[in-house]
Amino acid sequence: MVHKQIIGLFVRNYTGVLQRVTSLFTRRGFNIDSLTVSPTNKEGYSRITVRILGDDEQLSQFINQMMKLNDVKKVEVLPESSSVISELIFIKVKINSEDRNKILTAASSYHASVVDLGETSATFRASGLPSEIDELVSRLEPFGIMELVRTGAIALHSGDECIADDLDID
C-alpha cells in the first residue's frame, strides 16, 4: 500500500551530500513531498528529514541503498504514531472589513498568529502537523490566498529515542 512516509537521515555536513542523497531518490523513482535540512548538535553533521510517497517494500529497498552512501551515518523511518512532527507556514490572505473577523477566527482556531498586516492583506504564521497545516490552508482558501510558503515536515522520535545514539562518528 502506497502512503506518505517520513524518513530521518543523519549525514556528514559538507558540500555535495544533499545532491548525492536526492539523486538516489531520483534513481529509485521516489517523489520528494517535503525536504528539510539543518545542522545538528553534533558538529560536522546535518539532519535531513524527507517525506516521500511509497510502499513498505520500496521504502526498505531505499533505506538499504541510502545506507551504502558513505556520507549517510543513519537512516530511520519516523512513523506519525511514535514521532513528534511539525511544519511551519507563512500564509498571506486577502482581507477586507467584511471578512476580517471570519479570517482572524479561522486563523486563530489553528493557533496562527498575525505576523504582518497590510491594508488589504494579513500574513499569518502557524506550525503543526502537516495535516493541520493543510486544514488551515483549506479554511483560508475561500478568502483568497495571495501567497504561501511552507517549511516541509521536521520530525524526531518521541520519548528518549535519538537518531544519533550509538553512532560511530569519526
N, C-alpha and C. Protein backbone atom coordinates (compact mmCIF):
# COMPACT_ATOMS: atom_id res chain seq x y z
N MET A 1 0.84 -1.18 0.00
CA MET A 1 0.00 0.00 0.00
C MET A 1 0.89 1.25 0.00
N VAL A 2 0.62 2.17 -0.89
CA VAL A 2 1.39 3.39 -1.03
C VAL A 2 0.87 4.44 -0.03
N HIS A 3 1.79 5.05 0.71
CA HIS A 3 1.43 6.08 1.67
C HIS A 3 2.63 7.01 1.89
N LYS A 4 2.35 8.16 2.53
CA LYS A 4 3.43 9.11 2.84
C LYS A 4 4.22 8.58 4.03
N GLN A 5 5.53 8.68 3.91
CA GLN A 5 6.41 8.22 4.97
C GLN A 5 7.47 9.29 5.22
N ILE A 6 7.81 9.47 6.49
CA ILE A 6 8.83 10.44 6.85
C ILE A 6 10.09 9.68 7.23
N ILE A 7 11.20 10.12 6.65
CA ILE A 7 12.50 9.47 6.87
C ILE A 7 13.46 10.50 7.43
N GLY A 8 14.19 10.11 8.47
CA GLY A 8 15.24 10.97 9.04
C GLY A 8 16.60 10.40 8.67
N LEU A 9 17.48 11.25 8.17
CA LEU A 9 18.83 10.84 7.81
C LEU A 9 19.83 11.68 8.60
N PHE A 10 20.82 11.03 9.16
CA PHE A 10 21.91 11.71 9.87
C PHE A 10 23.11 11.60 8.94
N VAL A 11 23.58 12.74 8.41
CA VAL A 11 24.61 12.74 7.37
C VAL A 11 25.76 13.67 7.71
N ARG A 12 26.90 13.44 7.05
CA ARG A 12 28.02 14.38 7.17
C ARG A 12 27.60 15.69 6.52
N ASN A 13 28.03 16.79 7.10
CA ASN A 13 27.64 18.11 6.64
C ASN A 13 28.76 18.73 5.82
N TYR A 14 28.72 18.49 4.52
CA TYR A 14 29.65 19.19 3.63
C TYR A 14 29.08 19.22 2.22
N THR A 15 29.70 20.04 1.38
CA THR A 15 29.23 20.29 0.03
C THR A 15 29.02 18.99 -0.75
N GLY A 16 27.86 18.89 -1.39
CA GLY A 16 27.57 17.77 -2.27
C GLY A 16 26.78 16.64 -1.64
N VAL A 17 26.68 16.60 -0.32
CA VAL A 17 25.97 15.49 0.33
C VAL A 17 24.49 15.50 -0.03
N LEU A 18 23.85 16.65 0.04
CA LEU A 18 22.43 16.73 -0.29
C LEU A 18 22.17 16.28 -1.73
N GLN A 19 23.04 16.66 -2.64
CA GLN A 19 22.88 16.27 -4.05
C GLN A 19 22.99 14.75 -4.19
N ARG A 20 23.93 14.13 -3.50
CA ARG A 20 24.08 12.67 -3.58
C ARG A 20 22.85 11.96 -3.01
N VAL A 21 22.34 12.49 -1.91
CA VAL A 21 21.16 11.89 -1.28
C VAL A 21 19.94 12.03 -2.19
N THR A 22 19.69 13.24 -2.68
CA THR A 22 18.49 13.45 -3.50
C THR A 22 18.59 12.74 -4.85
N SER A 23 19.79 12.56 -5.37
CA SER A 23 19.90 11.82 -6.64
C SER A 23 19.50 10.36 -6.47
N LEU A 24 19.71 9.83 -5.27
CA LEU A 24 19.27 8.46 -5.02
C LEU A 24 17.74 8.37 -5.04
N PHE A 25 17.07 9.41 -4.55
CA PHE A 25 15.61 9.44 -4.64
C PHE A 25 15.18 9.40 -6.10
N THR A 26 15.83 10.18 -6.92
CA THR A 26 15.51 10.25 -8.34
C THR A 26 15.72 8.90 -9.01
N ARG A 27 16.87 8.27 -8.76
CA ARG A 27 17.17 6.97 -9.38
C ARG A 27 16.18 5.89 -8.96
N ARG A 28 15.65 5.97 -7.73
CA ARG A 28 14.71 4.97 -7.23
C ARG A 28 13.26 5.32 -7.58
N GLY A 29 13.04 6.47 -8.22
CA GLY A 29 11.69 6.85 -8.65
C GLY A 29 10.80 7.40 -7.54
N PHE A 30 11.40 7.90 -6.46
CA PHE A 30 10.61 8.49 -5.39
C PHE A 30 10.42 9.98 -5.64
N ASN A 31 9.21 10.45 -5.39
CA ASN A 31 8.94 11.87 -5.45
C ASN A 31 9.06 12.43 -4.04
N ILE A 32 9.88 13.45 -3.86
CA ILE A 32 10.05 14.07 -2.56
C ILE A 32 8.89 15.04 -2.35
N ASP A 33 8.08 14.75 -1.33
CA ASP A 33 6.94 15.59 -0.99
C ASP A 33 7.37 16.77 -0.14
N SER A 34 8.39 16.56 0.69
CA SER A 34 8.87 17.58 1.61
C SER A 34 10.32 17.25 1.96
N LEU A 35 11.14 18.29 2.08
CA LEU A 35 12.56 18.11 2.37
C LEU A 35 13.05 19.25 3.25
N THR A 36 13.66 18.93 4.38
CA THR A 36 14.28 19.94 5.22
C THR A 36 15.67 19.45 5.61
N VAL A 37 16.59 20.39 5.72
CA VAL A 37 17.97 20.07 6.08
C VAL A 37 18.47 21.13 7.05
N SER A 38 19.16 20.68 8.09
CA SER A 38 19.77 21.63 9.02
C SER A 38 20.90 20.96 9.78
N PRO A 39 21.83 21.77 10.30
CA PRO A 39 22.89 21.21 11.13
C PRO A 39 22.30 20.60 12.40
N THR A 40 23.02 19.68 13.02
CA THR A 40 22.58 19.07 14.27
C THR A 40 23.44 19.57 15.42
N ASN A 41 23.21 19.02 16.58
CA ASN A 41 24.04 19.35 17.73
C ASN A 41 25.39 18.65 17.69
N LYS A 42 25.58 17.73 16.75
CA LYS A 42 26.86 17.05 16.55
C LYS A 42 27.62 17.81 15.46
N GLU A 43 28.73 18.42 15.83
CA GLU A 43 29.49 19.23 14.88
C GLU A 43 29.89 18.41 13.65
N GLY A 44 29.68 19.01 12.48
CA GLY A 44 30.05 18.37 11.23
C GLY A 44 28.97 17.46 10.66
N TYR A 45 27.78 17.44 11.28
CA TYR A 45 26.70 16.56 10.81
C TYR A 45 25.41 17.35 10.65
N SER A 46 24.60 16.91 9.70
CA SER A 46 23.30 17.51 9.43
C SER A 46 22.22 16.44 9.53
N ARG A 47 21.03 16.94 9.66
CA ARG A 47 19.85 16.08 9.67
C ARG A 47 19.02 16.42 8.45
N ILE A 48 18.66 15.41 7.69
CA ILE A 48 17.78 15.58 6.54
C ILE A 48 16.48 14.87 6.90
N THR A 49 15.37 15.59 6.79
CA THR A 49 14.06 14.99 7.00
C THR A 49 13.33 15.04 5.67
N VAL A 50 12.89 13.87 5.21
CA VAL A 50 12.26 13.75 3.90
C VAL A 50 10.91 13.07 4.05
N ARG A 51 9.89 13.62 3.39
CA ARG A 51 8.59 12.95 3.33
C ARG A 51 8.39 12.50 1.89
N ILE A 52 8.18 11.19 1.71
CA ILE A 52 8.03 10.61 0.38
C ILE A 52 6.76 9.79 0.30
N LEU A 53 6.38 9.46 -0.91
CA LEU A 53 5.24 8.59 -1.17
C LEU A 53 5.79 7.26 -1.67
N GLY A 54 5.44 6.17 -0.98
CA GLY A 54 5.91 4.86 -1.40
C GLY A 54 5.31 3.76 -0.54
N ASP A 55 5.55 2.52 -0.94
CA ASP A 55 5.06 1.41 -0.13
C ASP A 55 6.20 0.89 0.74
N ASP A 56 5.90 -0.05 1.63
CA ASP A 56 6.88 -0.54 2.60
C ASP A 56 8.07 -1.23 1.92
N GLU A 57 7.83 -1.97 0.85
CA GLU A 57 8.91 -2.66 0.14
C GLU A 57 9.86 -1.66 -0.51
N GLN A 58 9.30 -0.65 -1.17
CA GLN A 58 10.12 0.39 -1.79
C GLN A 58 10.94 1.12 -0.73
N LEU A 59 10.31 1.39 0.40
CA LEU A 59 11.00 2.09 1.47
C LEU A 59 12.17 1.27 2.00
N SER A 60 11.97 -0.01 2.19
CA SER A 60 13.03 -0.89 2.66
C SER A 60 14.20 -0.91 1.69
N GLN A 61 13.91 -1.04 0.39
CA GLN A 61 14.96 -1.02 -0.63
C GLN A 61 15.70 0.32 -0.61
N PHE A 62 14.94 1.38 -0.47
CA PHE A 62 15.53 2.72 -0.46
C PHE A 62 16.48 2.88 0.73
N ILE A 63 16.07 2.45 1.91
CA ILE A 63 16.91 2.57 3.11
C ILE A 63 18.20 1.79 2.92
N ASN A 64 18.10 0.58 2.37
CA ASN A 64 19.31 -0.22 2.11
C ASN A 64 20.26 0.50 1.15
N GLN A 65 19.72 1.11 0.11
CA GLN A 65 20.54 1.86 -0.85
C GLN A 65 21.16 3.09 -0.19
N MET A 66 20.37 3.79 0.62
CA MET A 66 20.84 5.00 1.27
C MET A 66 22.01 4.70 2.21
N MET A 67 21.94 3.57 2.92
CA MET A 67 22.99 3.21 3.87
C MET A 67 24.31 2.85 3.18
N LYS A 68 24.28 2.64 1.87
CA LYS A 68 25.51 2.36 1.13
C LYS A 68 26.31 3.64 0.85
N LEU A 69 25.66 4.81 1.02
CA LEU A 69 26.37 6.07 0.81
C LEU A 69 27.26 6.34 2.02
N ASN A 70 28.53 6.62 1.78
CA ASN A 70 29.49 6.85 2.86
C ASN A 70 29.11 8.02 3.77
N ASP A 71 28.47 9.03 3.19
CA ASP A 71 28.14 10.23 3.95
C ASP A 71 26.94 10.04 4.87
N VAL A 72 26.16 8.99 4.66
CA VAL A 72 24.96 8.74 5.46
C VAL A 72 25.35 7.85 6.63
N LYS A 73 25.13 8.35 7.85
CA LYS A 73 25.50 7.60 9.05
C LYS A 73 24.33 6.79 9.61
N LYS A 74 23.11 7.28 9.44
CA LYS A 74 21.95 6.56 9.96
C LYS A 74 20.70 6.99 9.20
N VAL A 75 19.79 6.05 8.99
CA VAL A 75 18.51 6.31 8.33
C VAL A 75 17.42 5.69 9.20
N GLU A 76 16.39 6.46 9.46
CA GLU A 76 15.27 5.95 10.26
C GLU A 76 13.94 6.38 9.67
N VAL A 77 12.97 5.48 9.74
CA VAL A 77 11.60 5.82 9.41
C VAL A 77 11.00 6.44 10.66
N LEU A 78 10.29 7.54 10.50
CA LEU A 78 9.68 8.24 11.63
C LEU A 78 8.16 8.15 11.52
N PRO A 79 7.57 7.10 12.07
CA PRO A 79 6.11 6.94 11.98
C PRO A 79 5.37 8.04 12.74
N GLU A 80 4.24 8.48 12.21
CA GLU A 80 3.47 9.53 12.88
C GLU A 80 3.07 9.12 14.30
N SER A 81 2.82 7.83 14.51
CA SER A 81 2.34 7.37 15.81
C SER A 81 3.40 7.43 16.91
N SER A 82 4.68 7.46 16.54
CA SER A 82 5.72 7.46 17.56
C SER A 82 6.77 8.56 17.32
N SER A 83 6.33 9.65 16.70
CA SER A 83 7.24 10.75 16.41
C SER A 83 6.57 12.09 16.70
N VAL A 84 7.40 13.09 16.91
CA VAL A 84 6.94 14.46 17.03
C VAL A 84 7.19 15.09 15.67
N ILE A 85 6.13 15.56 15.02
CA ILE A 85 6.21 16.07 13.66
C ILE A 85 5.60 17.47 13.61
N SER A 86 6.25 18.35 12.87
CA SER A 86 5.71 19.70 12.74
C SER A 86 6.14 20.30 11.41
N GLU A 87 5.41 21.32 11.01
CA GLU A 87 5.69 22.07 9.79
C GLU A 87 5.33 23.52 10.07
N LEU A 88 6.02 24.43 9.42
CA LEU A 88 5.77 25.86 9.59
C LEU A 88 5.24 26.43 8.29
N ILE A 89 4.30 27.38 8.40
CA ILE A 89 3.76 28.04 7.21
C ILE A 89 3.64 29.54 7.46
N PHE A 90 3.92 30.32 6.44
CA PHE A 90 3.52 31.72 6.35
C PHE A 90 2.47 31.75 5.25
N ILE A 91 1.33 32.37 5.53
CA ILE A 91 0.26 32.42 4.54
C ILE A 91 -0.34 33.82 4.51
N LYS A 92 -0.32 34.43 3.33
CA LYS A 92 -0.85 35.78 3.14
C LYS A 92 -2.23 35.67 2.50
N VAL A 93 -3.22 36.30 3.16
CA VAL A 93 -4.62 36.19 2.75
C VAL A 93 -5.17 37.58 2.48
N LYS A 94 -6.03 37.66 1.43
CA LYS A 94 -6.74 38.92 1.18
C LYS A 94 -7.66 39.17 2.37
N ILE A 95 -7.72 40.42 2.78
CA ILE A 95 -8.56 40.73 3.94
C ILE A 95 -9.32 42.03 3.66
N ASN A 96 -10.59 42.02 4.03
CA ASN A 96 -11.41 43.23 3.93
C ASN A 96 -12.22 43.37 5.20
N SER A 97 -12.83 44.51 5.40
CA SER A 97 -13.55 44.76 6.66
C SER A 97 -14.70 43.79 6.86
N GLU A 98 -15.32 43.35 5.77
CA GLU A 98 -16.45 42.43 5.87
C GLU A 98 -16.04 41.04 6.39
N ASP A 99 -14.89 40.54 5.91
CA ASP A 99 -14.45 39.19 6.28
C ASP A 99 -13.38 39.16 7.36
N ARG A 100 -12.96 40.30 7.82
CA ARG A 100 -11.84 40.39 8.77
C ARG A 100 -12.01 39.47 9.98
N ASN A 101 -13.13 39.54 10.66
CA ASN A 101 -13.34 38.72 11.85
C ASN A 101 -13.40 37.23 11.53
N LYS A 102 -14.01 36.87 10.40
CA LYS A 102 -14.07 35.46 9.99
C LYS A 102 -12.66 34.92 9.75
N ILE A 103 -11.83 35.70 9.08
CA ILE A 103 -10.46 35.29 8.77
C ILE A 103 -9.64 35.14 10.05
N LEU A 104 -9.73 36.14 10.92
CA LEU A 104 -8.99 36.08 12.18
C LEU A 104 -9.44 34.91 13.05
N THR A 105 -10.74 34.63 13.07
CA THR A 105 -11.26 33.49 13.83
C THR A 105 -10.77 32.17 13.24
N ALA A 106 -10.83 32.07 11.91
CA ALA A 106 -10.36 30.84 11.25
C ALA A 106 -8.88 30.61 11.53
N ALA A 107 -8.09 31.65 11.41
CA ALA A 107 -6.65 31.52 11.63
C ALA A 107 -6.35 31.17 13.09
N SER A 108 -7.01 31.83 14.01
CA SER A 108 -6.72 31.58 15.42
C SER A 108 -7.16 30.17 15.86
N SER A 109 -8.13 29.59 15.18
CA SER A 109 -8.55 28.22 15.54
C SER A 109 -7.44 27.21 15.22
N TYR A 110 -6.46 27.61 14.41
CA TYR A 110 -5.29 26.78 14.11
C TYR A 110 -4.04 27.34 14.78
N HIS A 111 -4.23 28.19 15.76
CA HIS A 111 -3.14 28.82 16.52
C HIS A 111 -2.20 29.61 15.63
N ALA A 112 -2.75 30.15 14.54
CA ALA A 112 -1.94 31.00 13.65
C ALA A 112 -1.90 32.41 14.24
N SER A 113 -0.75 33.03 14.15
CA SER A 113 -0.61 34.39 14.65
C SER A 113 -0.36 35.35 13.48
N VAL A 114 -0.83 36.57 13.63
CA VAL A 114 -0.62 37.60 12.61
C VAL A 114 0.82 38.09 12.73
N VAL A 115 1.56 38.01 11.63
CA VAL A 115 2.95 38.50 11.63
C VAL A 115 3.11 39.76 10.78
N ASP A 116 2.10 40.05 9.94
CA ASP A 116 2.13 41.27 9.15
C ASP A 116 0.70 41.60 8.74
N LEU A 117 0.38 42.89 8.82
CA LEU A 117 -0.96 43.34 8.46
C LEU A 117 -0.84 44.50 7.50
N GLY A 118 -1.33 44.30 6.29
CA GLY A 118 -1.34 45.36 5.30
C GLY A 118 -2.74 45.94 5.20
N GLU A 119 -2.93 46.84 4.25
CA GLU A 119 -4.26 47.44 4.07
C GLU A 119 -5.26 46.42 3.55
N THR A 120 -4.80 45.52 2.67
CA THR A 120 -5.73 44.56 2.06
C THR A 120 -5.27 43.11 2.25
N SER A 121 -4.33 42.90 3.18
CA SER A 121 -3.85 41.53 3.40
C SER A 121 -3.42 41.34 4.85
N ALA A 122 -3.41 40.08 5.24
CA ALA A 122 -2.88 39.69 6.54
C ALA A 122 -2.00 38.47 6.31
N THR A 123 -0.83 38.47 6.94
CA THR A 123 0.07 37.32 6.84
C THR A 123 0.09 36.64 8.20
N PHE A 124 -0.14 35.32 8.16
CA PHE A 124 -0.19 34.52 9.38
C PHE A 124 0.98 33.54 9.41
N ARG A 125 1.38 33.19 10.62
CA ARG A 125 2.38 32.15 10.84
C ARG A 125 1.73 31.08 11.70
N ALA A 126 1.91 29.83 11.29
CA ALA A 126 1.38 28.71 12.08
C ALA A 126 2.33 27.54 11.98
N SER A 127 2.29 26.70 13.00
CA SER A 127 3.05 25.46 12.95
C SER A 127 2.16 24.35 13.49
N GLY A 128 2.44 23.14 13.03
CA GLY A 128 1.66 22.00 13.48
C GLY A 128 1.90 20.81 12.57
N LEU A 129 1.11 19.78 12.77
CA LEU A 129 1.19 18.60 11.91
C LEU A 129 0.90 19.02 10.46
N PRO A 130 1.53 18.36 9.49
CA PRO A 130 1.24 18.70 8.09
C PRO A 130 -0.27 18.66 7.77
N SER A 131 -1.00 17.73 8.35
CA SER A 131 -2.44 17.65 8.11
C SER A 131 -3.16 18.88 8.67
N GLU A 132 -2.69 19.41 9.81
CA GLU A 132 -3.28 20.63 10.37
C GLU A 132 -2.99 21.84 9.50
N ILE A 133 -1.79 21.88 8.96
CA ILE A 133 -1.43 22.99 8.05
C ILE A 133 -2.28 22.91 6.79
N ASP A 134 -2.50 21.70 6.28
CA ASP A 134 -3.39 21.52 5.11
C ASP A 134 -4.79 22.04 5.42
N GLU A 135 -5.29 21.74 6.61
CA GLU A 135 -6.63 22.20 7.02
C GLU A 135 -6.69 23.72 7.09
N LEU A 136 -5.65 24.34 7.65
CA LEU A 136 -5.60 25.80 7.72
C LEU A 136 -5.66 26.40 6.32
N VAL A 137 -4.89 25.87 5.41
CA VAL A 137 -4.89 26.37 4.03
C VAL A 137 -6.29 26.24 3.43
N SER A 138 -6.93 25.09 3.61
CA SER A 138 -8.30 24.88 3.09
C SER A 138 -9.29 25.86 3.70
N ARG A 139 -9.12 26.12 4.98
CA ARG A 139 -10.04 27.02 5.69
C ARG A 139 -9.89 28.46 5.21
N LEU A 140 -8.66 28.87 4.84
CA LEU A 140 -8.43 30.25 4.42
C LEU A 140 -8.60 30.45 2.91
N GLU A 141 -8.62 29.36 2.15
CA GLU A 141 -8.73 29.45 0.69
C GLU A 141 -9.92 30.27 0.20
N PRO A 142 -11.10 30.10 0.77
CA PRO A 142 -12.25 30.87 0.27
C PRO A 142 -12.08 32.39 0.36
N PHE A 143 -11.19 32.86 1.24
CA PHE A 143 -10.99 34.30 1.39
C PHE A 143 -9.99 34.85 0.38
N GLY A 144 -9.23 33.97 -0.26
CA GLY A 144 -8.26 34.39 -1.27
C GLY A 144 -6.83 34.38 -0.76
N ILE A 145 -6.15 33.29 -1.01
CA ILE A 145 -4.74 33.19 -0.62
C ILE A 145 -3.91 33.90 -1.68
N MET A 146 -3.13 34.85 -1.23
CA MET A 146 -2.28 35.62 -2.13
C MET A 146 -0.93 34.94 -2.31
N GLU A 147 -0.44 34.33 -1.23
CA GLU A 147 0.89 33.74 -1.26
C GLU A 147 1.03 32.84 -0.03
N LEU A 148 1.83 31.77 -0.19
CA LEU A 148 2.15 30.96 0.98
C LEU A 148 3.49 30.28 0.77
N VAL A 149 4.13 29.95 1.90
CA VAL A 149 5.37 29.20 1.88
C VAL A 149 5.36 28.27 3.08
N ARG A 150 5.82 27.03 2.86
CA ARG A 150 5.85 26.03 3.93
C ARG A 150 7.27 25.49 4.06
N THR A 151 7.64 25.12 5.28
CA THR A 151 8.99 24.61 5.51
C THR A 151 9.16 23.16 5.09
N GLY A 152 8.12 22.40 5.10
CA GLY A 152 8.25 20.96 4.98
C GLY A 152 8.29 20.38 6.38
N ALA A 153 8.07 19.09 6.47
CA ALA A 153 7.99 18.43 7.77
C ALA A 153 9.37 18.30 8.41
N ILE A 154 9.39 18.48 9.72
CA ILE A 154 10.54 18.12 10.53
C ILE A 154 10.03 17.13 11.56
N ALA A 155 10.88 16.20 11.96
CA ALA A 155 10.40 15.15 12.87
C ALA A 155 11.53 14.59 13.71
N LEU A 156 11.18 14.18 14.91
CA LEU A 156 12.06 13.46 15.82
C LEU A 156 11.25 12.34 16.45
N HIS A 157 11.93 11.28 16.86
CA HIS A 157 11.24 10.22 17.60
C HIS A 157 10.70 10.79 18.90
N SER A 158 9.56 10.30 19.34
CA SER A 158 9.01 10.67 20.64
C SER A 158 9.85 10.03 21.74
N GLY A 159 9.76 10.58 22.93
CA GLY A 159 10.41 9.98 24.08
C GLY A 159 11.92 10.12 24.05
N ASP A 160 12.59 9.11 24.58
CA ASP A 160 14.04 9.18 24.78
C ASP A 160 14.87 8.71 23.59
N GLU A 161 14.24 8.11 22.58
CA GLU A 161 14.98 7.61 21.43
C GLU A 161 15.62 8.76 20.65
N CYS A 162 16.82 8.51 20.12
CA CYS A 162 17.57 9.56 19.43
C CYS A 162 18.30 8.96 18.23
N ILE A 163 18.18 9.61 17.08
CA ILE A 163 18.80 9.10 15.85
C ILE A 163 20.33 9.03 15.98
N ALA A 164 20.92 9.90 16.77
CA ALA A 164 22.39 9.93 16.88
C ALA A 164 22.94 8.98 17.93
N ASP A 165 22.06 8.29 18.67
CA ASP A 165 22.54 7.32 19.65
C ASP A 165 23.31 6.20 18.97
N ASP A 166 24.35 5.74 19.61
CA ASP A 166 25.12 4.58 19.16
C ASP A 166 25.74 4.74 17.77
N LEU A 167 26.01 5.98 17.36
CA LEU A 167 26.67 6.19 16.08
C LEU A 167 28.18 6.13 16.26
N ASP A 168 28.83 5.53 15.29
CA ASP A 168 30.29 5.52 15.28
C ASP A 168 30.74 6.70 14.44
N ILE A 169 30.81 7.87 15.09
CA ILE A 169 31.16 9.10 14.38
C ILE A 169 32.66 9.31 14.48
N ASP A 170 33.28 9.43 13.30
CA ASP A 170 34.72 9.65 13.27
C ASP A 170 35.06 11.10 13.08
